[in-house]
Amino acid sequence: MDRKHIKETRINSEVQKEMSRIIREEIKDPRLPQMTSVTSVSVTGDLKYAKIYVSMLADDEQKAEGMKALKHATSFIRTLLAKNVNLRNTPELTFVLDDSIEYGVEMSKKIEALGVKHDE
């Protein structure tokens, strides 16, 4: 691995940890589902932009409301991120709903159901 890649990985990891903490401890918006987690973070090399991938254990309507809550709190979240993570630029944040965990759970259930039917 080259130095640039190691640095990007470290930055992504630091931002992900802090984003998780901020969402868990600092955001008090009731629209945000209790089970919201940051699954990954992708910060551009110039530190100008960051995509924050979040997973929410909720129905579609609650997820939509949760995404609105995050969008509404973006400047507050960015301010906290700037205060707690030492980066020369604080990136613009974009939140992306990540359904991969939910998709995986759904696939596991389907595979399990196939397995049960197969054993009969």
PDB file of N, CA and C in Angstrom:
ATOM      1  N   MET A   1       0.835  -1.196   0.000  1.00  0.00           N
ATOM      2  CA  MET A   1       0.000   0.000   0.000  1.00  0.00           C
ATOM      3  C   MET A   1       0.877   1.255   0.000  1.00  0.00           C
ATOM      4  N   ASP A   2       0.486   2.228  -0.801  1.00  0.00           N
ATOM      5  CA  ASP A   2       1.267   3.459  -0.813  1.00  0.00           C
ATOM      6  C   ASP A   2       0.803   4.405   0.296  1.00  0.00           C
ATOM      7  N   ARG A   3       1.624   5.397   0.564  1.00  0.00           N
ATOM      8  CA  ARG A   3       1.351   6.342   1.653  1.00  0.00           C
ATOM      9  C   ARG A   3       0.018   7.053   1.498  1.00  0.00           C
ATOM     10  N   LYS A   4      -0.283   7.460   0.263  1.00  0.00           N
ATOM     11  CA  LYS A   4      -1.523   8.198   0.002  1.00  0.00           C
ATOM     12  C   LYS A   4      -2.738   7.350   0.380  1.00  0.00           C
ATOM     13  N   HIS A   5      -2.692   6.076  -0.014  1.00  0.00           N
ATOM     14  CA  HIS A   5      -3.807   5.173   0.284  1.00  0.00           C
ATOM     15  C   HIS A   5      -3.956   4.965   1.796  1.00  0.00           C
ATOM     16  N   ILE A   6      -2.836   4.805   2.483  1.00  0.00           N
ATOM     17  CA  ILE A   6      -2.864   4.617   3.936  1.00  0.00           C
ATOM     18  C   ILE A   6      -3.454   5.854   4.610  1.00  0.00           C
ATOM     19  N   LYS A   7      -3.044   7.040   4.150  1.00  0.00           N
ATOM     20  CA  LYS A   7      -3.560   8.292   4.720  1.00  0.00           C
ATOM     21  C   LYS A   7      -5.063   8.414   4.486  1.00  0.00           C
ATOM     22  N   GLU A   8      -5.527   8.111   3.267  1.00  0.00           N
ATOM     23  CA  GLU A   8      -6.962   8.184   2.963  1.00  0.00           C
ATOM     24  C   GLU A   8      -7.749   7.209   3.827  1.00  0.00           C
ATOM     25  N   THR A   9      -7.212   6.007   3.996  1.00  0.00           N
ATOM     26  CA  THR A   9      -7.884   5.007   4.828  1.00  0.00           C
ATOM     27  C   THR A   9      -7.987   5.492   6.267  1.00  0.00           C
ATOM     28  N   ARG A  10      -6.913   6.073   6.778  1.00  0.00           N
ATOM     29  CA  ARG A  10      -6.901   6.583   8.150  1.00  0.00           C
ATOM     30  C   ARG A  10      -7.905   7.727   8.311  1.00  0.00           C
ATOM     31  N   ILE A  11      -7.922   8.644   7.350  1.00  0.00           N
ATOM     32  CA  ILE A  11      -8.861   9.772   7.407  1.00  0.00           C
ATOM     33  C   ILE A  11     -10.305   9.270   7.353  1.00  0.00           C
ATOM     34  N   ASN A  12     -10.593   8.361   6.419  1.00  0.00           N
ATOM     35  CA  ASN A  12     -11.946   7.804   6.317  1.00  0.00           C
ATOM     36  C   ASN A  12     -12.362   7.154   7.638  1.00  0.00           C
ATOM     37  N   SER A  13     -11.447   6.412   8.237  1.00  0.00           N
ATOM     38  CA  SER A  13     -11.731   5.725   9.497  1.00  0.00           C
ATOM     39  C   SER A  13     -11.983   6.719  10.627  1.00  0.00           C
ATOM     40  N   GLU A  14     -11.147   7.741  10.728  1.00  0.00           N
ATOM     41  CA  GLU A  14     -11.322   8.764  11.770  1.00  0.00           C
ATOM     42  C   GLU A  14     -12.650   9.486  11.615  1.00  0.00           C
ATOM     43  N   VAL A  15     -12.957   9.883  10.383  1.00  0.00           N
ATOM     44  CA  VAL A  15     -14.212  10.596  10.124  1.00  0.00           C
ATOM     45  C   VAL A  15     -15.393   9.676  10.422  1.00  0.00           C
ATOM     46  N   GLN A  16     -15.298   8.399  10.051  1.00  0.00           N
ATOM     47  CA  GLN A  16     -16.388   7.457  10.315  1.00  0.00           C
ATOM     48  C   GLN A  16     -16.635   7.311  11.817  1.00  0.00           C
ATOM     49  N   LYS A  17     -15.566   7.177  12.598  1.00  0.00           N
ATOM     50  CA  LYS A  17     -15.720   7.041  14.052  1.00  0.00           C
ATOM     51  C   LYS A  17     -16.401   8.270  14.641  1.00  0.00           C
ATOM     52  N   GLU A  18     -15.943   9.457  14.219  1.00  0.00           N
ATOM     53  CA  GLU A  18     -16.501  10.688  14.755  1.00  0.00           C
ATOM     54  C   GLU A  18     -17.943  10.892  14.289  1.00  0.00           C
ATOM     55  N   MET A  19     -18.230  10.565  13.040  1.00  0.00           N
ATOM     56  CA  MET A  19     -19.612  10.685  12.535  1.00  0.00           C
ATOM     57  C   MET A  19     -20.544   9.765  13.325  1.00  0.00           C
ATOM     58  N   SER A  20     -20.084   8.561  13.598  1.00  0.00           N
ATOM     59  CA  SER A  20     -20.895   7.618  14.387  1.00  0.00           C
ATOM     60  C   SER A  20     -21.190   8.194  15.767  1.00  0.00           C
ATOM     61  N   ARG A  21     -20.160   8.762  16.392  1.00  0.00           N
ATOM     62  CA  ARG A  21     -20.338   9.347  17.720  1.00  0.00           C
ATOM     63  C   ARG A  21     -21.302  10.530  17.671  1.00  0.00           C
ATOM     64  N   ILE A  22     -21.128  11.403  16.700  1.00  0.00           N
ATOM     65  CA  ILE A  22     -21.993  12.581  16.578  1.00  0.00           C
ATOM     66  C   ILE A  22     -23.450  12.166  16.391  1.00  0.00           C
ATOM     67  N   ILE A  23     -23.683  11.222  15.477  1.00  0.00           N
ATOM     68  CA  ILE A  23     -25.061  10.793  15.212  1.00  0.00           C
ATOM     69  C   ILE A  23     -25.657  10.121  16.451  1.00  0.00           C
ATOM     70  N   ARG A  24     -24.854   9.319  17.141  1.00  0.00           N
ATOM     71  CA  ARG A  24     -25.337   8.598  18.325  1.00  0.00           C
ATOM     72  C   ARG A  24     -25.561   9.534  19.513  1.00  0.00           C
ATOM     73  N   GLU A  25     -24.644  10.491  19.731  1.00  0.00           N
ATOM     74  CA  GLU A  25     -24.675  11.271  20.974  1.00  0.00           C
ATOM     75  C   GLU A  25     -25.148  12.713  20.839  1.00  0.00           C
ATOM     76  N   GLU A  26     -24.995  13.309  19.675  1.00  0.00           N
ATOM     77  CA  GLU A  26     -25.236  14.748  19.553  1.00  0.00           C
ATOM     78  C   GLU A  26     -26.545  15.118  18.851  1.00  0.00           C
ATOM     79  N   ILE A  27     -27.007  14.285  17.947  1.00  0.00           N
ATOM     80  CA  ILE A  27     -28.217  14.611  17.181  1.00  0.00           C
ATOM     81  C   ILE A  27     -29.439  14.195  17.994  1.00  0.00           C
ATOM     82  N   LYS A  28     -30.247  15.164  18.322  1.00  0.00           N
ATOM     83  CA  LYS A  28     -31.417  14.906  19.176  1.00  0.00           C
ATOM     84  C   LYS A  28     -32.734  14.934  18.388  1.00  0.00           C
ATOM     85  N   ASP A  29     -32.648  14.877  17.076  1.00  0.00           N
ATOM     86  CA  ASP A  29     -33.843  14.961  16.232  1.00  0.00           C
ATOM     87  C   ASP A  29     -34.657  13.667  16.342  1.00  0.00           C
ATOM     88  N   PRO A  30     -35.928  13.771  16.741  1.00  0.00           N
ATOM     89  CA  PRO A  30     -36.754  12.561  16.899  1.00  0.00           C
ATOM     90  C   PRO A  30     -37.021  11.826  15.575  1.00  0.00           C
ATOM     91  N   ARG A  31     -36.783  12.499  14.447  1.00  0.00           N
ATOM     92  CA  ARG A  31     -36.998  11.845  13.153  1.00  0.00           C
ATOM     93  C   ARG A  31     -35.913  10.810  12.850  1.00  0.00           C
ATOM     94  N   LEU A  32     -34.781  10.929  13.525  1.00  0.00           N
ATOM     95  CA  LEU A  32     -33.666  10.022  13.272  1.00  0.00           C
ATOM     96  C   LEU A  32     -33.914   8.696  14.000  1.00  0.00           C
ATOM     97  N   PRO A  33     -34.008   7.587  13.240  1.00  0.00           N
ATOM     98  CA  PRO A  33     -34.251   6.288  13.896  1.00  0.00           C
ATOM     99  C   PRO A  33     -33.154   5.952  14.910  1.00  0.00           C
ATOM    100  N   GLN A  34     -33.555   5.304  16.007  1.00  0.00           N
ATOM    101  CA  GLN A  34     -32.630   4.907  17.072  1.00  0.00           C
ATOM    102  C   GLN A  34     -31.491   4.060  16.517  1.00  0.00           C
ATOM    103  N   MET A  35     -31.824   3.149  15.613  1.00  0.00           N
ATOM    104  CA  MET A  35     -30.822   2.245  15.035  1.00  0.00           C
ATOM    105  C   MET A  35     -30.282   2.827  13.732  1.00  0.00           C
ATOM    106  N   THR A  36     -29.484   3.876  13.854  1.00  0.00           N
ATOM    107  CA  THR A  36     -28.828   4.497  12.702  1.00  0.00           C
ATOM    108  C   THR A  36     -27.336   4.316  12.883  1.00  0.00           C
ATOM    109  N   SER A  37     -26.677   3.773  11.869  1.00  0.00           N
ATOM    110  CA  SER A  37     -25.232   3.598  11.996  1.00  0.00           C
ATOM    111  C   SER A  37     -24.527   4.048  10.722  1.00  0.00           C
ATOM    112  N   VAL A  38     -23.294   4.480  10.892  1.00  0.00           N
ATOM    113  CA  VAL A  38     -22.464   4.901   9.767  1.00  0.00           C
ATOM    114  C   VAL A  38     -21.723   3.655   9.286  1.00  0.00           C
ATOM    115  N   THR A  39     -22.051   3.212   8.066  1.00  0.00           N
ATOM    116  CA  THR A  39     -21.446   1.977   7.559  1.00  0.00           C
ATOM    117  C   THR A  39     -20.098   2.230   6.909  1.00  0.00           C
ATOM    118  N   SER A  40     -19.928   3.376   6.274  1.00  0.00           N
ATOM    119  CA  SER A  40     -18.625   3.740   5.720  1.00  0.00           C
ATOM    120  C   SER A  40     -18.594   5.225   5.388  1.00  0.00           C
ATOM    121  N   VAL A  41     -17.382   5.697   5.140  1.00  0.00           N
ATOM    122  CA  VAL A  41     -17.162   7.097   4.805  1.00  0.00           C
ATOM    123  C   VAL A  41     -16.163   7.140   3.667  1.00  0.00           C
ATOM    124  N   SER A  42     -16.393   8.033   2.717  1.00  0.00           N
ATOM    125  CA  SER A  42     -15.456   8.211   1.618  1.00  0.00           C
ATOM    126  C   SER A  42     -15.140   9.698   1.483  1.00  0.00           C
ATOM    127  N   VAL A  43     -13.936  10.070   1.901  1.00  0.00           N
ATOM    128  CA  VAL A  43     -13.491  11.457   1.829  1.00  0.00           C
ATOM    129  C   VAL A  43     -12.607  11.601   0.595  1.00  0.00           C
ATOM    130  N   THR A  44     -12.843  12.652  -0.195  1.00  0.00           N
ATOM    131  CA  THR A  44     -12.009  12.870  -1.383  1.00  0.00           C
ATOM    132  C   THR A  44     -10.593  13.226  -0.953  1.00  0.00           C
ATOM    133  N   GLY A  45      -9.633  12.969  -1.823  1.00  0.00           N
ATOM    134  CA  GLY A  45      -8.227  13.212  -1.525  1.00  0.00           C
ATOM    135  C   GLY A  45      -7.910  14.641  -1.127  1.00  0.00           C
ATOM    136  N   ASP A  46      -8.655  15.609  -1.685  1.00  0.00           N
ATOM    137  CA  ASP A  46      -8.422  17.017  -1.350  1.00  0.00           C
ATOM    138  C   ASP A  46      -9.200  17.462  -0.098  1.00  0.00           C
ATOM    139  N   LEU A  47      -9.895  16.521   0.523  1.00  0.00           N
ATOM    140  CA  LEU A  47     -10.678  16.760   1.754  1.00  0.00           C
ATOM    141  C   LEU A  47     -11.833  17.733   1.569  1.00  0.00           C
ATOM    142  N   LYS A  48     -12.267  17.951   0.338  1.00  0.00           N
ATOM    143  CA  LYS A  48     -13.351  18.913   0.116  1.00  0.00           C
ATOM    144  C   LYS A  48     -14.735  18.297   0.285  1.00  0.00           C
ATOM    145  N   TYR A  49     -14.857  17.015  -0.003  1.00  0.00           N
ATOM    146  CA  TYR A  49     -16.162  16.355   0.050  1.00  0.00           C
ATOM    147  C   TYR A  49     -16.060  15.025   0.779  1.00  0.00           C
ATOM    148  N   ALA A  50     -17.149  14.669   1.457  1.00  0.00           N
ATOM    149  CA  ALA A  50     -17.212  13.373   2.121  1.00  0.00           C
ATOM    150  C   ALA A  50     -18.603  12.793   1.936  1.00  0.00           C
ATOM    151  N   LYS A  51     -18.644  11.556   1.508  1.00  0.00           N
ATOM    152  CA  LYS A  51     -19.914  10.832   1.457  1.00  0.00           C
ATOM    153  C   LYS A  51     -19.991   9.988   2.713  1.00  0.00           C
ATOM    154  N   ILE A  52     -21.089  10.144   3.428  1.00  0.00           N
ATOM    155  CA  ILE A  52     -21.304   9.419   4.664  1.00  0.00           C
ATOM    156  C   ILE A  52     -22.424   8.411   4.393  1.00  0.00           C
ATOM    157  N   TYR A  53     -22.077   7.124   4.421  1.00  0.00           N
ATOM    158  CA  TYR A  53     -23.061   6.073   4.158  1.00  0.00           C
ATOM    159  C   TYR A  53     -23.677   5.642   5.484  1.00  0.00           C
ATOM    160  N   VAL A  54     -25.004   5.771   5.571  1.00  0.00           N
ATOM    161  CA  VAL A  54     -25.695   5.425   6.811  1.00  0.00           C
ATOM    162  C   VAL A  54     -26.731   4.330   6.576  1.00  0.00           C
ATOM    163  N   SER A  55     -26.851   3.487   7.576  1.00  0.00           N
ATOM    164  CA  SER A  55     -27.833   2.417   7.552  1.00  0.00           C
ATOM    165  C   SER A  55     -28.837   2.686   8.664  1.00  0.00           C
ATOM    166  N   MET A  56     -30.121   2.508   8.357  1.00  0.00           N
ATOM    167  CA  MET A  56     -31.167   2.741   9.350  1.00  0.00           C
ATOM    168  C   MET A  56     -32.065   1.522   9.420  1.00  0.00           C
ATOM    169  N   LEU A  57     -32.263   1.034  10.642  1.00  0.00           N
ATOM    170  CA  LEU A  57     -33.172  -0.079  10.838  1.00  0.00           C
ATOM    171  C   LEU A  57     -34.555   0.524  11.076  1.00  0.00           C
ATOM    172  N   ALA A  58     -35.322   0.677   9.994  1.00  0.00           N
ATOM    173  CA  ALA A  58     -36.616   1.347  10.065  1.00  0.00           C
ATOM    174  C   ALA A  58     -37.380   1.088   8.762  1.00  0.00           C
ATOM    175  N   ASP A  59     -38.660   1.477   8.742  1.00  0.00           N
ATOM    176  CA  ASP A  59     -39.407   1.329   7.489  1.00  0.00           C
ATOM    177  C   ASP A  59     -39.041   2.481   6.550  1.00  0.00           C
ATOM    178  N   ASP A  60     -39.504   2.406   5.321  1.00  0.00           N
ATOM    179  CA  ASP A  60     -39.111   3.388   4.306  1.00  0.00           C
ATOM    180  C   ASP A  60     -39.448   4.822   4.694  1.00  0.00           C
ATOM    181  N   GLU A  61     -40.619   5.015   5.296  1.00  0.00           N
ATOM    182  CA  GLU A  61     -41.034   6.360   5.695  1.00  0.00           C
ATOM    183  C   GLU A  61     -40.109   6.919   6.777  1.00  0.00           C
ATOM    184  N   GLN A  62     -39.768   6.084   7.768  1.00  0.00           N
ATOM    185  CA  GLN A  62     -38.867   6.502   8.838  1.00  0.00           C
ATOM    186  C   GLN A  62     -37.463   6.794   8.289  1.00  0.00           C
ATOM    187  N   LYS A  63     -37.031   5.993   7.304  1.00  0.00           N
ATOM    188  CA  LYS A  63     -35.718   6.227   6.683  1.00  0.00           C
ATOM    189  C   LYS A  63     -35.705   7.583   5.980  1.00  0.00           C
ATOM    190  N   ALA A  64     -36.789   7.886   5.253  1.00  0.00           N
ATOM    191  CA  ALA A  64     -36.881   9.171   4.549  1.00  0.00           C
ATOM    192  C   ALA A  64     -36.822  10.320   5.552  1.00  0.00           C
ATOM    193  N   GLU A  65     -37.536  10.173   6.669  1.00  0.00           N
ATOM    194  CA  GLU A  65     -37.523  11.209   7.712  1.00  0.00           C
ATOM    195  C   GLU A  65     -36.139  11.311   8.354  1.00  0.00           C
ATOM    196  N   GLY A  66     -35.492  10.169   8.558  1.00  0.00           N
ATOM    197  CA  GLY A  66     -34.154  10.147   9.131  1.00  0.00           C
ATOM    198  C   GLY A  66     -33.151  10.854   8.232  1.00  0.00           C
ATOM    199  N   MET A  67     -33.271  10.638   6.918  1.00  0.00           N
ATOM    200  CA  MET A  67     -32.376  11.304   5.967  1.00  0.00           C
ATOM    201  C   MET A  67     -32.617  12.815   5.971  1.00  0.00           C
ATOM    202  N   LYS A  68     -33.895  13.217   6.096  1.00  0.00           N
ATOM    203  CA  LYS A  68     -34.208  14.650   6.192  1.00  0.00           C
ATOM    204  C   LYS A  68     -33.575  15.240   7.449  1.00  0.00           C
ATOM    205  N   ALA A  69     -33.636  14.493   8.553  1.00  0.00           N
ATOM    206  CA  ALA A  69     -33.060  14.960   9.818  1.00  0.00           C
ATOM    207  C   ALA A  69     -31.555  15.163   9.673  1.00  0.00           C
ATOM    208  N   LEU A  70     -30.875  14.217   9.023  1.00  0.00           N
ATOM    209  CA  LEU A  70     -29.425  14.341   8.821  1.00  0.00           C
ATOM    210  C   LEU A  70     -29.100  15.533   7.925  1.00  0.00           C
ATOM    211  N   LYS A  71     -29.888  15.685   6.852  1.00  0.00           N
ATOM    212  CA  LYS A  71     -29.669  16.796   5.931  1.00  0.00           C
ATOM    213  C   LYS A  71     -29.862  18.133   6.665  1.00  0.00           C
ATOM    214  N   HIS A  72     -30.885  18.187   7.501  1.00  0.00           N
ATOM    215  CA  HIS A  72     -31.188  19.384   8.279  1.00  0.00           C
ATOM    216  C   HIS A  72     -30.042  19.716   9.254  1.00  0.00           C
ATOM    217  N   ALA A  73     -29.402  18.679   9.790  1.00  0.00           N
ATOM    218  CA  ALA A  73     -28.356  18.869  10.806  1.00  0.00           C
ATOM    219  C   ALA A  73     -26.944  18.934  10.214  1.00  0.00           C
ATOM    220  N   THR A  74     -26.834  18.936   8.884  1.00  0.00           N
ATOM    221  CA  THR A  74     -25.521  18.848   8.236  1.00  0.00           C
ATOM    222  C   THR A  74     -24.532  19.914   8.715  1.00  0.00           C
ATOM    223  N   SER A  75     -24.938  21.172   8.787  1.00  0.00           N
ATOM    224  CA  SER A  75     -23.983  22.216   9.188  1.00  0.00           C
ATOM    225  C   SER A  75     -23.554  22.041  10.643  1.00  0.00           C
ATOM    226  N   PHE A  76     -24.480  21.627  11.504  1.00  0.00           N
ATOM    227  CA  PHE A  76     -24.168  21.347  12.914  1.00  0.00           C
ATOM    228  C   PHE A  76     -23.169  20.186  12.993  1.00  0.00           C
ATOM    229  N   ILE A  77     -23.433  19.128  12.238  1.00  0.00           N
ATOM    230  CA  ILE A  77     -22.561  17.949  12.229  1.00  0.00           C
ATOM    231  C   ILE A  77     -21.169  18.338  11.717  1.00  0.00           C
ATOM    232  N   ARG A  78     -21.142  19.130  10.668  1.00  0.00           N
ATOM    233  CA  ARG A  78     -19.868  19.562  10.074  1.00  0.00           C
ATOM    234  C   ARG A  78     -19.051  20.393  11.074  1.00  0.00           C
ATOM    235  N   THR A  79     -19.733  21.250  11.828  1.00  0.00           N
ATOM    236  CA  THR A  79     -19.068  22.064  12.848  1.00  0.00           C
ATOM    237  C   THR A  79     -18.435  21.168  13.913  1.00  0.00           C
ATOM    238  N   LEU A  80     -19.178  20.172  14.381  1.00  0.00           N
ATOM    239  CA  LEU A  80     -18.649  19.248  15.390  1.00  0.00           C
ATOM    240  C   LEU A  80     -17.483  18.438  14.823  1.00  0.00           C
ATOM    241  N   LEU A  81     -17.611  18.030  13.582  1.00  0.00           N
ATOM    242  CA  LEU A  81     -16.543  17.266  12.928  1.00  0.00           C
ATOM    243  C   LEU A  81     -15.263  18.108  12.865  1.00  0.00           C
ATOM    244  N   ALA A  82     -15.402  19.377  12.497  1.00  0.00           N
ATOM    245  CA  ALA A  82     -14.250  20.284  12.408  1.00  0.00           C
ATOM    246  C   ALA A  82     -13.573  20.444  13.764  1.00  0.00           C
ATOM    247  N   LYS A  83     -14.388  20.478  14.809  1.00  0.00           N
ATOM    248  CA  LYS A  83     -13.866  20.668  16.162  1.00  0.00           C
ATOM    249  C   LYS A  83     -13.122  19.428  16.660  1.00  0.00           C
ATOM    250  N   ASN A  84     -13.599  18.251  16.271  1.00  0.00           N
ATOM    251  CA  ASN A  84     -13.093  17.011  16.865  1.00  0.00           C
ATOM    252  C   ASN A  84     -12.135  16.194  16.001  1.00  0.00           C
ATOM    253  N   VAL A  85     -12.061  16.485  14.711  1.00  0.00           N
ATOM    254  CA  VAL A  85     -11.136  15.772  13.833  1.00  0.00           C
ATOM    255  C   VAL A  85     -10.227  16.809  13.188  1.00  0.00           C
ATOM    256  N   ASN A  86      -8.947  16.627  13.351  1.00  0.00           N
ATOM    257  CA  ASN A  86      -7.985  17.614  12.879  1.00  0.00           C
ATOM    258  C   ASN A  86      -7.675  17.401  11.393  1.00  0.00           C
ATOM    259  N   LEU A  87      -8.405  18.113  10.534  1.00  0.00           N
ATOM    260  CA  LEU A  87      -8.174  18.074   9.094  1.00  0.00           C
ATOM    261  C   LEU A  87      -7.931  19.497   8.627  1.00  0.00           C
ATOM    262  N   ARG A  88      -7.128  19.661   7.598  1.00  0.00           N
ATOM    263  CA  ARG A  88      -6.864  21.039   7.149  1.00  0.00           C
ATOM    264  C   ARG A  88      -8.101  21.663   6.512  1.00  0.00           C
ATOM    265  N   ASN A  89      -8.955  20.858   5.931  1.00  0.00           N
ATOM    266  CA  ASN A  89     -10.257  21.316   5.432  1.00  0.00           C
ATOM    267  C   ASN A  89     -11.322  20.432   6.061  1.00  0.00           C
ATOM    268  N   THR A  90     -12.462  21.017   6.377  1.00  0.00           N
ATOM    269  CA  THR A  90     -13.578  20.182   6.813  1.00  0.00           C
ATOM    270  C   THR A  90     -14.445  19.957   5.587  1.00  0.00           C
ATOM    271  N   PRO A  91     -14.617  18.696   5.192  1.00  0.00           N
ATOM    272  CA  PRO A  91     -15.331  18.426   3.937  1.00  0.00           C
ATOM    273  C   PRO A  91     -16.815  18.773   3.986  1.00  0.00           C
ATOM    274  N   GLU A  92     -17.356  19.073   2.800  1.00  0.00           N
ATOM    275  CA  GLU A  92     -18.802  19.190   2.634  1.00  0.00           C
ATOM    276  C   GLU A  92     -19.347  17.783   2.808  1.00  0.00           C
ATOM    277  N   LEU A  93     -20.428  17.636   3.559  1.00  0.00           N
ATOM    278  CA  LEU A  93     -20.960  16.301   3.848  1.00  0.00           C
ATOM    279  C   LEU A  93     -22.169  15.982   2.980  1.00  0.00           C
ATOM    280  N   THR A  94     -22.179  14.769   2.462  1.00  0.00           N
ATOM    281  CA  THR A  94     -23.334  14.252   1.740  1.00  0.00           C
ATOM    282  C   THR A  94     -23.704  12.926   2.391  1.00  0.00           C
ATOM    283  N   PHE A  95     -24.961  12.799   2.789  1.00  0.00           N
ATOM    284  CA  PHE A  95     -25.411  11.556   3.417  1.00  0.00           C
ATOM    285  C   PHE A  95     -26.055  10.664   2.370  1.00  0.00           C
ATOM    286  N   VAL A  96     -25.684   9.384   2.391  1.00  0.00           N
ATOM    287  CA  VAL A  96     -26.197   8.405   1.439  1.00  0.00           C
ATOM    288  C   VAL A  96     -26.779   7.250   2.235  1.00  0.00           C
ATOM    289  N   LEU A  97     -28.020   6.892   1.916  1.00  0.00           N
ATOM    290  CA  LEU A  97     -28.658   5.767   2.599  1.00  0.00           C
ATOM    291  C   LEU A  97     -28.058   4.463   2.082  1.00  0.00           C
ATOM    292  N   ASP A  98     -27.567   3.647   2.986  1.00  0.00           N
ATOM    293  CA  ASP A  98     -26.936   2.377   2.650  1.00  0.00           C
ATOM    294  C   ASP A  98     -27.853   1.237   3.091  1.00  0.00           C
ATOM    295  N   ASP A  99     -28.432   0.555   2.112  1.00  0.00           N
ATOM    296  CA  ASP A  99     -29.347  -0.549   2.422  1.00  0.00           C
ATOM    297  C   ASP A  99     -28.656  -1.911   2.386  1.00  0.00           C
ATOM    298  N   SER A 100     -27.328  -1.931   2.319  1.00  0.00           N
ATOM    299  CA  SER A 100     -26.621  -3.206   2.144  1.00  0.00           C
ATOM    300  C   SER A 100     -26.813  -4.156   3.322  1.00  0.00           C
ATOM    301  N   ILE A 101     -26.853  -3.647   4.556  1.00  0.00           N
ATOM    302  CA  ILE A 101     -27.045  -4.516   5.715  1.00  0.00           C
ATOM    303  C   ILE A 101     -28.436  -5.125   5.660  1.00  0.00           C
ATOM    304  N   GLU A 102     -29.426  -4.275   5.402  1.00  0.00           N
ATOM    305  CA  GLU A 102     -30.806  -4.742   5.299  1.00  0.00           C
ATOM    306  C   GLU A 102     -30.951  -5.759   4.164  1.00  0.00           C
ATOM    307  N   TYR A 103     -30.302  -5.477   3.051  1.00  0.00           N
ATOM    308  CA  TYR A 103     -30.325  -6.377   1.903  1.00  0.00           C
ATOM    309  C   TYR A 103     -29.718  -7.729   2.288  1.00  0.00           C
ATOM    310  N   GLY A 104     -28.618  -7.692   3.011  1.00  0.00           N
ATOM    311  CA  GLY A 104     -27.959  -8.926   3.460  1.00  0.00           C
ATOM    312  C   GLY A 104     -28.848  -9.743   4.381  1.00  0.00           C
ATOM    313  N   VAL A 105     -29.532  -9.069   5.302  1.00  0.00           N
ATOM    314  CA  VAL A 105     -30.446  -9.755   6.224  1.00  0.00           C
ATOM    315  C   VAL A 105     -31.578 -10.398   5.427  1.00  0.00           C
ATOM    316  N   GLU A 106     -32.113  -9.647   4.466  1.00  0.00           N
ATOM    317  CA  GLU A 106     -33.206 -10.150   3.625  1.00  0.00           C
ATOM    318  C   GLU A 106     -32.755 -11.378   2.829  1.00  0.00           C
ATOM    319  N   MET A 107     -31.563 -11.310   2.245  1.00  0.00           N
ATOM    320  CA  MET A 107     -31.025 -12.453   1.477  1.00  0.00           C
ATOM    321  C   MET A 107     -30.820 -13.666   2.385  1.00  0.00           C
ATOM    322  N   SER A 108     -30.309 -13.440   3.593  1.00  0.00           N
ATOM    323  CA  SER A 108     -30.107 -14.539   4.546  1.00  0.00           C
ATOM    324  C   SER A 108     -31.425 -15.228   4.854  1.00  0.00           C
ATOM    325  N   LYS A 109     -32.473 -14.415   5.057  1.00  0.00           N
ATOM    326  CA  LYS A 109     -33.802 -14.986   5.332  1.00  0.00           C
ATOM    327  C   LYS A 109     -34.284 -15.821   4.156  1.00  0.00           C
ATOM    328  N   LYS A 110     -34.077 -15.304   2.936  1.00  0.00           N
ATOM    329  CA  LYS A 110     -34.511 -16.037   1.736  1.00  0.00           C
ATOM    330  C   LYS A 110     -33.736 -17.341   1.580  1.00  0.00           C
ATOM    331  N   ILE A 111     -32.429 -17.282   1.812  1.00  0.00           N
ATOM    332  CA  ILE A 111     -31.602 -18.489   1.707  1.00  0.00           C
ATOM    333  C   ILE A 111     -32.023 -19.504   2.762  1.00  0.00           C
ATOM    334  N   GLU A 112     -32.256 -19.004   3.976  1.00  0.00           N
ATOM    335  CA  GLU A 112     -32.707 -19.877   5.063  1.00  0.00           C
ATOM    336  C   GLU A 112     -34.036 -20.521   4.708  1.00  0.00           C
ATOM    337  N   ALA A 113     -34.965 -19.724   4.151  1.00  0.00           N
ATOM    338  CA  ALA A 113     -36.278 -20.246   3.768  1.00  0.00           C
ATOM    339  C   ALA A 113     -36.134 -21.320   2.695  1.00  0.00           C
ATOM    340  N   LEU A 114     -35.251 -21.116   1.756  1.00  0.00           N
ATOM    341  CA  LEU A 114     -34.995 -22.122   0.716  1.00  0.00           C
ATOM    342  C   LEU A 114     -34.433 -23.388   1.335  1.00  0.00           C
ATOM    343  N   GLY A 115     -33.542 -23.235   2.269  1.00  0.00           N
ATOM    344  CA  GLY A 115     -32.920 -24.367   2.953  1.00  0.00           C
ATOM    345  C   GLY A 115     -33.956 -25.172   3.714  1.00  0.00           C
ATOM    346  N   VAL A 116     -34.881 -24.502   4.399  1.00  0.00           N
ATOM    347  CA  VAL A 116     -35.916 -25.174   5.163  1.00  0.00           C
ATOM    348  C   VAL A 116     -36.821 -25.956   4.237  1.00  0.00           C
ATOM    349  N   LYS A 117     -37.238 -25.344   3.122  1.00  0.00           N
ATOM    350  CA  LYS A 117     -38.115 -26.017   2.170  1.00  0.00           C
ATOM    351  C   LYS A 117     -37.390 -27.217   1.548  1.00  0.00           C
ATOM    352  N   HIS A 118     -36.106 -27.071   1.306  1.00  0.00           N
ATOM    353  CA  HIS A 118     -35.311 -28.108   0.684  1.00  0.00           C
ATOM    354  C   HIS A 118     -35.206 -29.349   1.568  1.00  0.00           C
ATOM    355  N   ASP A 119     -35.187 -29.156   2.904  1.00  0.00           N
ATOM    356  CA  ASP A 119     -35.028 -30.269   3.832  1.00  0.00           C
ATOM    357  C   ASP A 119     -36.286 -31.125   3.977  1.00  0.00           C
ATOM    358  N   GLU A 120     -37.412 -30.575   3.592  1.00  0.00           N
ATOM    359  CA  GLU A 120     -38.684 -31.302   3.788  1.00  0.00           C
ATOM    360  C   GLU A 120     -38.810 -32.521   2.934  1.00  0.00           C
TER     361      GLU A 120
END
